[in-house]
Amino acid sequence: MARLFNYINDKEKAISCCYKALNIDEFSIPTYYILADIAKKNKLPEAKKILKKIIYLEPRSVAAYLKLSYVYQAENDTNRAHKMQEVALSILKQLPAGMEIPELDYLTVTQLMLQLETNLETNN
């Protein structure tokens, strides 16, 4: 339900559904992703906190590292953004090439690696 409310831009209902879901399962990674996506639009510190929690719960979450890098970029902290992209790339190198990452619009490991390598080369 939270994903639907987020999709139709009813953020208050989406957030309410997320917290209800977290009361049932406090380790629900997809729920934290929805909250982070809502927060990144106007509450960067909250988005950063949520993404760090996802990384704590799921340390090999490529999506969380990449989304956190976007938050750091929005804060003009290019060093940290770069570091998060490097961590994501190192995790991707350990995954099967054709594997899709659902939290990143089902891009494959290969597609993400190409994007990250290009981005990291451009920013060096």
PDB file of N, CA and C in Angstrom:
ATOM      1  N   MET A   1       0.815  -1.188   0.000  1.00  0.00           N
ATOM      2  CA  MET A   1       0.000   0.000   0.000  1.00  0.00           C
ATOM      3  C   MET A   1       0.863   1.259   0.000  1.00  0.00           C
ATOM      4  N   ALA A   2       1.919   1.245   0.786  1.00  0.00           N
ATOM      5  CA  ALA A   2       2.788   2.428   0.891  1.00  0.00           C
ATOM      6  C   ALA A   2       3.365   2.780  -0.471  1.00  0.00           C
ATOM      7  N   ARG A   3       3.765   1.781  -1.229  1.00  0.00           N
ATOM      8  CA  ARG A   3       4.337   2.013  -2.563  1.00  0.00           C
ATOM      9  C   ARG A   3       3.299   2.690  -3.472  1.00  0.00           C
ATOM     10  N   LEU A   4       2.047   2.259  -3.382  1.00  0.00           N
ATOM     11  CA  LEU A   4       0.982   2.851  -4.185  1.00  0.00           C
ATOM     12  C   LEU A   4       0.763   4.316  -3.794  1.00  0.00           C
ATOM     13  N   PHE A   5       0.665   4.578  -2.502  1.00  0.00           N
ATOM     14  CA  PHE A   5       0.468   5.957  -2.051  1.00  0.00           C
ATOM     15  C   PHE A   5       1.651   6.838  -2.457  1.00  0.00           C
ATOM     16  N   ASN A   6       2.840   6.302  -2.386  1.00  0.00           N
ATOM     17  CA  ASN A   6       4.022   7.051  -2.819  1.00  0.00           C
ATOM     18  C   ASN A   6       3.934   7.329  -4.322  1.00  0.00           C
ATOM     19  N   TYR A   7       3.513   6.342  -5.082  1.00  0.00           N
ATOM     20  CA  TYR A   7       3.400   6.482  -6.535  1.00  0.00           C
ATOM     21  C   TYR A   7       2.392   7.575  -6.921  1.00  0.00           C
ATOM     22  N   ILE A   8       1.276   7.635  -6.203  1.00  0.00           N
ATOM     23  CA  ILE A   8       0.260   8.652  -6.528  1.00  0.00           C
ATOM     24  C   ILE A   8       0.528   9.967  -5.787  1.00  0.00           C
ATOM     25  N   ASN A   9       1.684  10.051  -5.167  1.00  0.00           N
ATOM     26  CA  ASN A   9       2.166  11.281  -4.530  1.00  0.00           C
ATOM     27  C   ASN A   9       1.390  11.668  -3.268  1.00  0.00           C
ATOM     28  N   ASP A  10       0.819  10.673  -2.583  1.00  0.00           N
ATOM     29  CA  ASP A  10       0.187  10.930  -1.281  1.00  0.00           C
ATOM     30  C   ASP A  10       1.192  10.498  -0.215  1.00  0.00           C
ATOM     31  N   LYS A  11       2.145  11.380   0.028  1.00  0.00           N
ATOM     32  CA  LYS A  11       3.282  11.059   0.897  1.00  0.00           C
ATOM     33  C   LYS A  11       2.860  10.772   2.335  1.00  0.00           C
ATOM     34  N   GLU A  12       1.877  11.523   2.833  1.00  0.00           N
ATOM     35  CA  GLU A  12       1.457  11.305   4.227  1.00  0.00           C
ATOM     36  C   GLU A  12       0.897   9.905   4.441  1.00  0.00           C
ATOM     37  N   LYS A  13       0.063   9.449   3.516  1.00  0.00           N
ATOM     38  CA  LYS A  13      -0.488   8.092   3.633  1.00  0.00           C
ATOM     39  C   LYS A  13       0.602   7.049   3.437  1.00  0.00           C
ATOM     40  N   ALA A  14       1.534   7.324   2.526  1.00  0.00           N
ATOM     41  CA  ALA A  14       2.644   6.392   2.295  1.00  0.00           C
ATOM     42  C   ALA A  14       3.481   6.253   3.560  1.00  0.00           C
ATOM     43  N   ILE A  15       3.799   7.369   4.174  1.00  0.00           N
ATOM     44  CA  ILE A  15       4.601   7.340   5.406  1.00  0.00           C
ATOM     45  C   ILE A  15       3.849   6.604   6.510  1.00  0.00           C
ATOM     46  N   SER A  16       2.559   6.879   6.638  1.00  0.00           N
ATOM     47  CA  SER A  16       1.743   6.201   7.655  1.00  0.00           C
ATOM     48  C   SER A  16       1.753   4.686   7.439  1.00  0.00           C
ATOM     49  N   CYS A  17       1.588   4.259   6.194  1.00  0.00           N
ATOM     50  CA  CYS A  17       1.617   2.816   5.885  1.00  0.00           C
ATOM     51  C   CYS A  17       2.979   2.218   6.209  1.00  0.00           C
ATOM     52  N   CYS A  18       4.037   2.961   5.915  1.00  0.00           N
ATOM     53  CA  CYS A  18       5.388   2.469   6.198  1.00  0.00           C
ATOM     54  C   CYS A  18       5.577   2.227   7.684  1.00  0.00           C
ATOM     55  N   TYR A  19       5.159   3.183   8.496  1.00  0.00           N
ATOM     56  CA  TYR A  19       5.350   3.013   9.939  1.00  0.00           C
ATOM     57  C   TYR A  19       4.480   1.891  10.498  1.00  0.00           C
ATOM     58  N   LYS A  20       3.310   1.701   9.923  1.00  0.00           N
ATOM     59  CA  LYS A  20       2.477   0.557  10.338  1.00  0.00           C
ATOM     60  C   LYS A  20       3.186  -0.749   9.982  1.00  0.00           C
ATOM     61  N   ALA A  21       3.774  -0.790   8.784  1.00  0.00           N
ATOM     62  CA  ALA A  21       4.506  -1.990   8.363  1.00  0.00           C
ATOM     63  C   ALA A  21       5.713  -2.236   9.255  1.00  0.00           C
ATOM     64  N   LEU A  22       6.405  -1.165   9.636  1.00  0.00           N
ATOM     65  CA  LEU A  22       7.586  -1.319  10.495  1.00  0.00           C
ATOM     66  C   LEU A  22       7.208  -1.747  11.914  1.00  0.00           C
ATOM     67  N   ASN A  23       5.996  -1.431  12.341  1.00  0.00           N
ATOM     68  CA  ASN A  23       5.525  -1.928  13.640  1.00  0.00           C
ATOM     69  C   ASN A  23       5.348  -3.436  13.612  1.00  0.00           C
ATOM     70  N   ILE A  24       5.053  -3.967  12.430  1.00  0.00           N
ATOM     71  CA  ILE A  24       4.894  -5.413  12.271  1.00  0.00           C
ATOM     72  C   ILE A  24       6.253  -6.078  12.053  1.00  0.00           C
ATOM     73  N   ASP A  25       7.075  -5.467  11.205  1.00  0.00           N
ATOM     74  CA  ASP A  25       8.398  -6.012  10.896  1.00  0.00           C
ATOM     75  C   ASP A  25       9.410  -4.871  10.838  1.00  0.00           C
ATOM     76  N   GLU A  26      10.118  -4.659  11.930  1.00  0.00           N
ATOM     77  CA  GLU A  26      11.036  -3.523  12.015  1.00  0.00           C
ATOM     78  C   GLU A  26      12.267  -3.667  11.121  1.00  0.00           C
ATOM     79  N   PHE A  27      12.429  -4.826  10.491  1.00  0.00           N
ATOM     80  CA  PHE A  27      13.577  -5.055   9.612  1.00  0.00           C
ATOM     81  C   PHE A  27      13.180  -5.095   8.132  1.00  0.00           C
ATOM     82  N   SER A  28      12.033  -4.522   7.797  1.00  0.00           N
ATOM     83  CA  SER A  28      11.528  -4.547   6.425  1.00  0.00           C
ATOM     84  C   SER A  28      12.305  -3.569   5.546  1.00  0.00           C
ATOM     85  N   ILE A  29      13.288  -4.105   4.836  1.00  0.00           N
ATOM     86  CA  ILE A  29      14.151  -3.283   3.982  1.00  0.00           C
ATOM     87  C   ILE A  29      13.342  -2.536   2.909  1.00  0.00           C
ATOM     88  N   PRO A  30      12.397  -3.189   2.206  1.00  0.00           N
ATOM     89  CA  PRO A  30      11.628  -2.439   1.194  1.00  0.00           C
ATOM     90  C   PRO A  30      10.887  -1.231   1.776  1.00  0.00           C
ATOM     91  N   THR A  31      10.420  -1.374   2.998  1.00  0.00           N
ATOM     92  CA  THR A  31       9.726  -0.253   3.649  1.00  0.00           C
ATOM     93  C   THR A  31      10.686   0.902   3.891  1.00  0.00           C
ATOM     94  N   TYR A  32      11.889   0.592   4.320  1.00  0.00           N
ATOM     95  CA  TYR A  32      12.880   1.655   4.532  1.00  0.00           C
ATOM     96  C   TYR A  32      13.247   2.339   3.211  1.00  0.00           C
ATOM     97  N   TYR A  33      13.281   1.586   2.119  1.00  0.00           N
ATOM     98  CA  TYR A  33      13.555   2.202   0.815  1.00  0.00           C
ATOM     99  C   TYR A  33      12.470   3.214   0.442  1.00  0.00           C
ATOM    100  N   ILE A  34      11.220   2.872   0.704  1.00  0.00           N
ATOM    101  CA  ILE A  34      10.127   3.805   0.406  1.00  0.00           C
ATOM    102  C   ILE A  34      10.289   5.078   1.241  1.00  0.00           C
ATOM    103  N   LEU A  35      10.566   4.910   2.531  1.00  0.00           N
ATOM    104  CA  LEU A  35      10.767   6.077   3.393  1.00  0.00           C
ATOM    105  C   LEU A  35      11.946   6.931   2.926  1.00  0.00           C
ATOM    106  N   ALA A  36      13.018   6.287   2.509  1.00  0.00           N
ATOM    107  CA  ALA A  36      14.193   7.029   2.025  1.00  0.00           C
ATOM    108  C   ALA A  36      13.860   7.791   0.744  1.00  0.00           C
ATOM    109  N   ASP A  37      13.111   7.159  -0.150  1.00  0.00           N
ATOM    110  CA  ASP A  37      12.729   7.830  -1.399  1.00  0.00           C
ATOM    111  C   ASP A  37      11.856   9.058  -1.119  1.00  0.00           C
ATOM    112  N   ILE A  38      10.970   8.946  -0.158  1.00  0.00           N
ATOM    113  CA  ILE A  38      10.130  10.094   0.209  1.00  0.00           C
ATOM    114  C   ILE A  38      10.993  11.186   0.841  1.00  0.00           C
ATOM    115  N   ALA A  39      11.868  10.809   1.750  1.00  0.00           N
ATOM    116  CA  ALA A  39      12.679  11.783   2.473  1.00  0.00           C
ATOM    117  C   ALA A  39      13.681  12.499   1.585  1.00  0.00           C
ATOM    118  N   LYS A  40      14.215  11.828   0.573  1.00  0.00           N
ATOM    119  CA  LYS A  40      15.266  12.451  -0.244  1.00  0.00           C
ATOM    120  C   LYS A  40      14.751  13.646  -1.035  1.00  0.00           C
ATOM    121  N   LYS A  41      13.447  13.773  -1.161  1.00  0.00           N
ATOM    122  CA  LYS A  41      12.890  14.888  -1.920  1.00  0.00           C
ATOM    123  C   LYS A  41      13.013  16.215  -1.178  1.00  0.00           C
ATOM    124  N   ASN A  42      12.971  16.194   0.160  1.00  0.00           N
ATOM    125  CA  ASN A  42      13.088  17.460   0.887  1.00  0.00           C
ATOM    126  C   ASN A  42      13.672  17.340   2.293  1.00  0.00           C
ATOM    127  N   LYS A  43      14.062  16.155   2.672  1.00  0.00           N
ATOM    128  CA  LYS A  43      14.635  15.939   4.003  1.00  0.00           C
ATOM    129  C   LYS A  43      15.892  15.082   3.877  1.00  0.00           C
ATOM    130  N   LEU A  44      16.951  15.681   3.336  1.00  0.00           N
ATOM    131  CA  LEU A  44      18.177  14.914   3.083  1.00  0.00           C
ATOM    132  C   LEU A  44      18.761  14.273   4.337  1.00  0.00           C
ATOM    133  N   PRO A  45      18.795  14.964   5.478  1.00  0.00           N
ATOM    134  CA  PRO A  45      19.338  14.298   6.677  1.00  0.00           C
ATOM    135  C   PRO A  45      18.540  13.044   7.065  1.00  0.00           C
ATOM    136  N   GLU A  46      17.229  13.100   6.903  1.00  0.00           N
ATOM    137  CA  GLU A  46      16.393  11.930   7.209  1.00  0.00           C
ATOM    138  C   GLU A  46      16.646  10.807   6.206  1.00  0.00           C
ATOM    139  N   ALA A  47      16.770  11.153   4.936  1.00  0.00           N
ATOM    140  CA  ALA A  47      17.070  10.147   3.909  1.00  0.00           C
ATOM    141  C   ALA A  47      18.401   9.478   4.208  1.00  0.00           C
ATOM    142  N   LYS A  48      19.387  10.282   4.583  1.00  0.00           N
ATOM    143  CA  LYS A  48      20.717   9.749   4.895  1.00  0.00           C
ATOM    144  C   LYS A  48      20.638   8.777   6.079  1.00  0.00           C
ATOM    145  N   LYS A  49      19.898   9.144   7.093  1.00  0.00           N
ATOM    146  CA  LYS A  49      19.741   8.288   8.284  1.00  0.00           C
ATOM    147  C   LYS A  49      19.086   6.953   7.914  1.00  0.00           C
ATOM    148  N   ILE A  50      18.055   7.006   7.087  1.00  0.00           N
ATOM    149  CA  ILE A  50      17.343   5.790   6.689  1.00  0.00           C
ATOM    150  C   ILE A  50      18.240   4.897   5.832  1.00  0.00           C
ATOM    151  N   LEU A  51      18.957   5.492   4.897  1.00  0.00           N
ATOM    152  CA  LEU A  51      19.844   4.703   4.032  1.00  0.00           C
ATOM    153  C   LEU A  51      20.980   4.066   4.830  1.00  0.00           C
ATOM    154  N   LYS A  52      21.488   4.768   5.813  1.00  0.00           N
ATOM    155  CA  LYS A  52      22.516   4.176   6.678  1.00  0.00           C
ATOM    156  C   LYS A  52      21.943   3.012   7.469  1.00  0.00           C
ATOM    157  N   LYS A  53      20.679   3.115   7.844  1.00  0.00           N
ATOM    158  CA  LYS A  53      20.037   2.007   8.559  1.00  0.00           C
ATOM    159  C   LYS A  53      19.913   0.791   7.633  1.00  0.00           C
ATOM    160  N   ILE A  54      19.553   1.025   6.372  1.00  0.00           N
ATOM    161  CA  ILE A  54      19.474  -0.083   5.408  1.00  0.00           C
ATOM    162  C   ILE A  54      20.843  -0.751   5.280  1.00  0.00           C
ATOM    163  N   ILE A  55      21.890   0.055   5.185  1.00  0.00           N
ATOM    164  CA  ILE A  55      23.241  -0.496   5.067  1.00  0.00           C
ATOM    165  C   ILE A  55      23.612  -1.289   6.318  1.00  0.00           C
ATOM    166  N   TYR A  56      23.196  -0.810   7.480  1.00  0.00           N
ATOM    167  CA  TYR A  56      23.451  -1.542   8.725  1.00  0.00           C
ATOM    168  C   TYR A  56      22.736  -2.898   8.690  1.00  0.00           C
ATOM    169  N   LEU A  57      21.480  -2.898   8.221  1.00  0.00           N
ATOM    170  CA  LEU A  57      20.692  -4.132   8.185  1.00  0.00           C
ATOM    171  C   LEU A  57      21.111  -5.057   7.045  1.00  0.00           C
ATOM    172  N   GLU A  58      21.563  -4.464   5.939  1.00  0.00           N
ATOM    173  CA  GLU A  58      21.920  -5.239   4.750  1.00  0.00           C
ATOM    174  C   GLU A  58      23.206  -4.640   4.152  1.00  0.00           C
ATOM    175  N   PRO A  59      24.364  -4.976   4.719  1.00  0.00           N
ATOM    176  CA  PRO A  59      25.629  -4.335   4.349  1.00  0.00           C
ATOM    177  C   PRO A  59      26.042  -4.471   2.881  1.00  0.00           C
ATOM    178  N   ARG A  60      25.447  -5.394   2.152  1.00  0.00           N
ATOM    179  CA  ARG A  60      25.805  -5.567   0.737  1.00  0.00           C
ATOM    180  C   ARG A  60      24.739  -4.988  -0.192  1.00  0.00           C
ATOM    181  N   SER A  61      23.983  -4.033   0.312  1.00  0.00           N
ATOM    182  CA  SER A  61      22.918  -3.415  -0.471  1.00  0.00           C
ATOM    183  C   SER A  61      23.485  -2.358  -1.412  1.00  0.00           C
ATOM    184  N   VAL A  62      23.677  -2.746  -2.650  1.00  0.00           N
ATOM    185  CA  VAL A  62      24.198  -1.846  -3.669  1.00  0.00           C
ATOM    186  C   VAL A  62      23.306  -0.608  -3.778  1.00  0.00           C
ATOM    187  N   ALA A  63      22.002  -0.830  -3.793  1.00  0.00           N
ATOM    188  CA  ALA A  63      21.057   0.275  -3.956  1.00  0.00           C
ATOM    189  C   ALA A  63      21.198   1.298  -2.844  1.00  0.00           C
ATOM    190  N   ALA A  64      21.364   0.847  -1.614  1.00  0.00           N
ATOM    191  CA  ALA A  64      21.486   1.789  -0.497  1.00  0.00           C
ATOM    192  C   ALA A  64      22.748   2.630  -0.630  1.00  0.00           C
ATOM    193  N   TYR A  65      23.847   2.005  -1.011  1.00  0.00           N
ATOM    194  CA  TYR A  65      25.091   2.774  -1.193  1.00  0.00           C
ATOM    195  C   TYR A  65      24.943   3.794  -2.320  1.00  0.00           C
ATOM    196  N   LEU A  66      24.309   3.399  -3.415  1.00  0.00           N
ATOM    197  CA  LEU A  66      24.140   4.328  -4.534  1.00  0.00           C
ATOM    198  C   LEU A  66      23.189   5.462  -4.177  1.00  0.00           C
ATOM    199  N   LYS A  67      22.095   5.131  -3.521  1.00  0.00           N
ATOM    200  CA  LYS A  67      21.154   6.178  -3.122  1.00  0.00           C
ATOM    201  C   LYS A  67      21.791   7.120  -2.098  1.00  0.00           C
ATOM    202  N   LEU A  68      22.612   6.577  -1.222  1.00  0.00           N
ATOM    203  CA  LEU A  68      23.324   7.424  -0.265  1.00  0.00           C
ATOM    204  C   LEU A  68      24.326   8.322  -0.995  1.00  0.00           C
ATOM    205  N   SER A  69      24.926   7.810  -2.051  1.00  0.00           N
ATOM    206  CA  SER A  69      25.851   8.647  -2.833  1.00  0.00           C
ATOM    207  C   SER A  69      25.099   9.819  -3.463  1.00  0.00           C
ATOM    208  N   TYR A  70      23.848   9.597  -3.892  1.00  0.00           N
ATOM    209  CA  TYR A  70      23.049  10.685  -4.467  1.00  0.00           C
ATOM    210  C   TYR A  70      22.742  11.744  -3.413  1.00  0.00           C
ATOM    211  N   VAL A  71      22.480  11.299  -2.201  1.00  0.00           N
ATOM    212  CA  VAL A  71      22.228  12.249  -1.108  1.00  0.00           C
ATOM    213  C   VAL A  71      23.479  13.085  -0.854  1.00  0.00           C
ATOM    214  N   TYR A  72      24.632  12.425  -0.783  1.00  0.00           N
ATOM    215  CA  TYR A  72      25.886  13.162  -0.580  1.00  0.00           C
ATOM    216  C   TYR A  72      26.153  14.135  -1.726  1.00  0.00           C
ATOM    217  N   GLN A  73      25.842  13.721  -2.954  1.00  0.00           N
ATOM    218  CA  GLN A  73      26.010  14.638  -4.088  1.00  0.00           C
ATOM    219  C   GLN A  73      25.108  15.856  -3.937  1.00  0.00           C
ATOM    220  N   ALA A  74      23.867  15.628  -3.500  1.00  0.00           N
ATOM    221  CA  ALA A  74      22.933  16.737  -3.297  1.00  0.00           C
ATOM    222  C   ALA A  74      23.426  17.694  -2.200  1.00  0.00           C
ATOM    223  N   GLU A  75      24.198  17.159  -1.272  1.00  0.00           N
ATOM    224  CA  GLU A  75      24.783  17.982  -0.199  1.00  0.00           C
ATOM    225  C   GLU A  75      26.151  18.553  -0.598  1.00  0.00           C
ATOM    226  N   ASN A  76      26.546  18.321  -1.845  1.00  0.00           N
ATOM    227  CA  ASN A  76      27.853  18.764  -2.363  1.00  0.00           C
ATOM    228  C   ASN A  76      29.031  18.145  -1.622  1.00  0.00           C
ATOM    229  N   ASP A  77      28.837  16.937  -1.100  1.00  0.00           N
ATOM    230  CA  ASP A  77      29.917  16.203  -0.443  1.00  0.00           C
ATOM    231  C   ASP A  77      30.420  15.146  -1.433  1.00  0.00           C
ATOM    232  N   THR A  78      31.208  15.610  -2.397  1.00  0.00           N
ATOM    233  CA  THR A  78      31.632  14.721  -3.483  1.00  0.00           C
ATOM    234  C   THR A  78      32.558  13.604  -3.019  1.00  0.00           C
ATOM    235  N   ASN A  79      33.346  13.853  -1.990  1.00  0.00           N
ATOM    236  CA  ASN A  79      34.239  12.800  -1.496  1.00  0.00           C
ATOM    237  C   ASN A  79      33.450  11.614  -0.964  1.00  0.00           C
ATOM    238  N   ARG A  80      32.447  11.895  -0.149  1.00  0.00           N
ATOM    239  CA  ARG A  80      31.631  10.794   0.387  1.00  0.00           C
ATOM    240  C   ARG A  80      30.797  10.139  -0.711  1.00  0.00           C
ATOM    241  N   ALA A  81      30.282  10.932  -1.625  1.00  0.00           N
ATOM    242  CA  ALA A  81      29.513  10.372  -2.738  1.00  0.00           C
ATOM    243  C   ALA A  81      30.387   9.403  -3.534  1.00  0.00           C
ATOM    244  N   HIS A  82      31.598   9.826  -3.804  1.00  0.00           N
ATOM    245  CA  HIS A  82      32.563   9.006  -4.549  1.00  0.00           C
ATOM    246  C   HIS A  82      32.852   7.707  -3.786  1.00  0.00           C
ATOM    247  N   LYS A  83      33.040   7.804  -2.481  1.00  0.00           N
ATOM    248  CA  LYS A  83      33.331   6.626  -1.647  1.00  0.00           C
ATOM    249  C   LYS A  83      32.164   5.635  -1.688  1.00  0.00           C
ATOM    250  N   MET A  84      30.928   6.141  -1.607  1.00  0.00           N
ATOM    251  CA  MET A  84      29.757   5.254  -1.650  1.00  0.00           C
ATOM    252  C   MET A  84      29.663   4.546  -2.995  1.00  0.00           C
ATOM    253  N   GLN A  85      30.006   5.246  -4.071  1.00  0.00           N
ATOM    254  CA  GLN A  85      29.991   4.623  -5.395  1.00  0.00           C
ATOM    255  C   GLN A  85      31.074   3.559  -5.507  1.00  0.00           C
ATOM    256  N   GLU A  86      32.228   3.806  -4.921  1.00  0.00           N
ATOM    257  CA  GLU A  86      33.300   2.799  -4.933  1.00  0.00           C
ATOM    258  C   GLU A  86      32.887   1.549  -4.171  1.00  0.00           C
ATOM    259  N   VAL A  87      32.237   1.730  -3.032  1.00  0.00           N
ATOM    260  CA  VAL A  87      31.765   0.575  -2.252  1.00  0.00           C
ATOM    261  C   VAL A  87      30.731  -0.201  -3.065  1.00  0.00           C
ATOM    262  N   ALA A  88      29.795   0.509  -3.678  1.00  0.00           N
ATOM    263  CA  ALA A  88      28.776  -0.152  -4.496  1.00  0.00           C
ATOM    264  C   ALA A  88      29.423  -0.951  -5.630  1.00  0.00           C
ATOM    265  N   LEU A  89      30.421  -0.354  -6.272  1.00  0.00           N
ATOM    266  CA  LEU A  89      31.111  -1.037  -7.369  1.00  0.00           C
ATOM    267  C   LEU A  89      31.818  -2.296  -6.875  1.00  0.00           C
ATOM    268  N   SER A  90      32.439  -2.220  -5.729  1.00  0.00           N
ATOM    269  CA  SER A  90      33.137  -3.405  -5.199  1.00  0.00           C
ATOM    270  C   SER A  90      32.149  -4.526  -4.869  1.00  0.00           C
ATOM    271  N   ILE A  91      30.962  -4.168  -4.404  1.00  0.00           N
ATOM    272  CA  ILE A  91      29.934  -5.190  -4.144  1.00  0.00           C
ATOM    273  C   ILE A  91      29.439  -5.771  -5.464  1.00  0.00           C
ATOM    274  N   LEU A  92      29.208  -4.906  -6.440  1.00  0.00           N
ATOM    275  CA  LEU A  92      28.718  -5.366  -7.746  1.00  0.00           C
ATOM    276  C   LEU A  92      29.676  -6.368  -8.375  1.00  0.00           C
ATOM    277  N   LYS A  93      30.968  -6.162  -8.216  1.00  0.00           N
ATOM    278  CA  LYS A  93      31.966  -7.055  -8.813  1.00  0.00           C
ATOM    279  C   LYS A  93      31.886  -8.473  -8.258  1.00  0.00           C
ATOM    280  N   GLN A  94      31.220  -8.630  -7.127  1.00  0.00           N
ATOM    281  CA  GLN A  94      31.089  -9.944  -6.503  1.00  0.00           C
ATOM    282  C   GLN A  94      29.771 -10.638  -6.868  1.00  0.00           C
ATOM    283  N   LEU A  95      28.927  -9.956  -7.630  1.00  0.00           N
ATOM    284  CA  LEU A  95      27.606 -10.497  -7.964  1.00  0.00           C
ATOM    285  C   LEU A  95      27.589 -11.027  -9.400  1.00  0.00           C
ATOM    286  N   PRO A  96      26.666 -11.940  -9.707  1.00  0.00           N
ATOM    287  CA  PRO A  96      26.540 -12.442 -11.079  1.00  0.00           C
ATOM    288  C   PRO A  96      26.165 -11.305 -12.046  1.00  0.00           C
ATOM    289  N   ALA A  97      26.785 -11.286 -13.212  1.00  0.00           N
ATOM    290  CA  ALA A  97      26.639 -10.193 -14.180  1.00  0.00           C
ATOM    291  C   ALA A  97      25.186  -9.911 -14.565  1.00  0.00           C
ATOM    292  N   GLY A  98      24.390 -10.936 -14.732  1.00  0.00           N
ATOM    293  CA  GLY A  98      23.013 -10.749 -15.185  1.00  0.00           C
ATOM    294  C   GLY A  98      22.010 -10.477 -14.081  1.00  0.00           C
ATOM    295  N   MET A  99      22.458 -10.518 -12.854  1.00  0.00           N
ATOM    296  CA  MET A  99      21.544 -10.305 -11.727  1.00  0.00           C
ATOM    297  C   MET A  99      20.927  -8.915 -11.806  1.00  0.00           C
ATOM    298  N   GLU A 100      19.626  -8.840 -11.562  1.00  0.00           N
ATOM    299  CA  GLU A 100      18.932  -7.558 -11.560  1.00  0.00           C
ATOM    300  C   GLU A 100      18.811  -7.031 -10.137  1.00  0.00           C
ATOM    301  N   ILE A 101      18.892  -5.706 -10.000  1.00  0.00           N
ATOM    302  CA  ILE A 101      18.763  -5.059  -8.690  1.00  0.00           C
ATOM    303  C   ILE A 101      17.389  -4.388  -8.656  1.00  0.00           C
ATOM    304  N   PRO A 102      16.412  -5.003  -7.969  1.00  0.00           N
ATOM    305  CA  PRO A 102      15.038  -4.488  -7.998  1.00  0.00           C
ATOM    306  C   PRO A 102      14.909  -3.044  -7.504  1.00  0.00           C
ATOM    307  N   GLU A 103      15.673  -2.670  -6.491  1.00  0.00           N
ATOM    308  CA  GLU A 103      15.573  -1.323  -5.918  1.00  0.00           C
ATOM    309  C   GLU A 103      16.115  -0.248  -6.859  1.00  0.00           C
ATOM    310  N   LEU A 104      16.771  -0.684  -7.928  1.00  0.00           N
ATOM    311  CA  LEU A 104      17.327   0.254  -8.916  1.00  0.00           C
ATOM    312  C   LEU A 104      16.710  -0.011 -10.289  1.00  0.00           C
ATOM    313  N   ASP A 105      15.403  -0.109 -10.311  1.00  0.00           N
ATOM    314  CA  ASP A 105      14.636  -0.296 -11.542  1.00  0.00           C
ATOM    315  C   ASP A 105      15.071  -1.519 -12.342  1.00  0.00           C
ATOM    316  N   TYR A 106      15.494  -2.549 -11.636  1.00  0.00           N
ATOM    317  CA  TYR A 106      15.869  -3.829 -12.239  1.00  0.00           C
ATOM    318  C   TYR A 106      17.024  -3.726 -13.229  1.00  0.00           C
ATOM    319  N   LEU A 107      17.885  -2.745 -13.024  1.00  0.00           N
ATOM    320  CA  LEU A 107      19.111  -2.698 -13.824  1.00  0.00           C
ATOM    321  C   LEU A 107      19.958  -3.913 -13.463  1.00  0.00           C
ATOM    322  N   THR A 108      20.704  -4.408 -14.428  1.00  0.00           N
ATOM    323  CA  THR A 108      21.554  -5.569 -14.157  1.00  0.00           C
ATOM    324  C   THR A 108      22.867  -5.108 -13.528  1.00  0.00           C
ATOM    325  N   VAL A 109      23.558  -6.063 -12.950  1.00  0.00           N
ATOM    326  CA  VAL A 109      24.874  -5.795 -12.369  1.00  0.00           C
ATOM    327  C   VAL A 109      25.795  -5.190 -13.424  1.00  0.00           C
ATOM    328  N   THR A 110      25.792  -5.762 -14.629  1.00  0.00           N
ATOM    329  CA  THR A 110      26.649  -5.259 -15.704  1.00  0.00           C
ATOM    330  C   THR A 110      26.317  -3.811 -16.053  1.00  0.00           C
ATOM    331  N   GLN A 111      25.039  -3.503 -16.179  1.00  0.00           N
ATOM    332  CA  GLN A 111      24.631  -2.133 -16.500  1.00  0.00           C
ATOM    333  C   GLN A 111      25.080  -1.155 -15.413  1.00  0.00           C
ATOM    334  N   LEU A 112      24.868  -1.541 -14.172  1.00  0.00           N
ATOM    335  CA  LEU A 112      25.260  -0.668 -13.060  1.00  0.00           C
ATOM    336  C   LEU A 112      26.773  -0.483 -12.998  1.00  0.00           C
ATOM    337  N   MET A 113      27.511  -1.568 -13.242  1.00  0.00           N
ATOM    338  CA  MET A 113      28.969  -1.463 -13.217  1.00  0.00           C
ATOM    339  C   MET A 113      29.458  -0.494 -14.287  1.00  0.00           C
ATOM    340  N   LEU A 114      28.902  -0.584 -15.482  1.00  0.00           N
ATOM    341  CA  LEU A 114      29.293   0.326 -16.558  1.00  0.00           C
ATOM    342  C   LEU A 114      29.009   1.776 -16.181  1.00  0.00           C
ATOM    343  N   GLN A 115      27.823   2.017 -15.618  1.00  0.00           N
ATOM    344  CA  GLN A 115      27.468   3.376 -15.206  1.00  0.00           C
ATOM    345  C   GLN A 115      28.415   3.900 -14.132  1.00  0.00           C
ATOM    346  N   LEU A 116      28.688   3.064 -13.145  1.00  0.00           N
ATOM    347  CA  LEU A 116      29.553   3.487 -12.045  1.00  0.00           C
ATOM    348  C   LEU A 116      30.981   3.693 -12.499  1.00  0.00           C
ATOM    349  N   GLU A 117      31.505   2.771 -13.294  1.00  0.00           N
ATOM    350  CA  GLU A 117      32.879   2.925 -13.781  1.00  0.00           C
ATOM    351  C   GLU A 117      33.025   4.192 -14.600  1.00  0.00           C
ATOM    352  N   THR A 118      32.059   4.478 -15.444  1.00  0.00           N
ATOM    353  CA  THR A 118      32.081   5.708 -16.248  1.00  0.00           C
ATOM    354  C   THR A 118      32.026   6.936 -15.343  1.00  0.00           C
ATOM    355  N   ASN A 119      31.125   6.897 -14.381  1.00  0.00           N
ATOM    356  CA  ASN A 119      30.985   8.033 -13.458  1.00  0.00           C
ATOM    357  C   ASN A 119      32.238   8.252 -12.626  1.00  0.00           C
ATOM    358  N   LEU A 120      32.814   7.170 -12.141  1.00  0.00           N
ATOM    359  CA  LEU A 120      34.021   7.301 -11.315  1.00  0.00           C
ATOM    360  C   LEU A 120      35.207   7.794 -12.145  1.00  0.00           C
ATOM    361  N   GLU A 121      35.306   7.333 -13.402  1.00  0.00           N
ATOM    362  CA  GLU A 121      36.394   7.802 -14.280  1.00  0.00           C
ATOM    363  C   GLU A 121      36.232   9.284 -14.601  1.00  0.00           C
ATOM    364  N   THR A 122      34.996   9.693 -14.831  1.00  0.00           N
ATOM    365  CA  THR A 122      34.714  11.092 -15.160  1.00  0.00           C
ATOM    366  C   THR A 122      35.061  12.018 -13.994  1.00  0.00           C
ATOM    367  N   ASN A 123      34.817  11.539 -12.784  1.00  0.00           N
ATOM    368  CA  ASN A 123      35.020  12.384 -11.594  1.00  0.00           C
ATOM    369  C   ASN A 123      36.431  12.303 -11.037  1.00  0.00           C
ATOM    370  N   ASN A 124      37.314  11.542 -11.663  1.00  0.00           N
ATOM    371  CA  ASN A 124      38.699  11.462 -11.184  1.00  0.00           C
ATOM    372  C   ASN A 124      39.576  12.465 -11.871  1.00  0.00           C
TER     373      ASN A 124
END
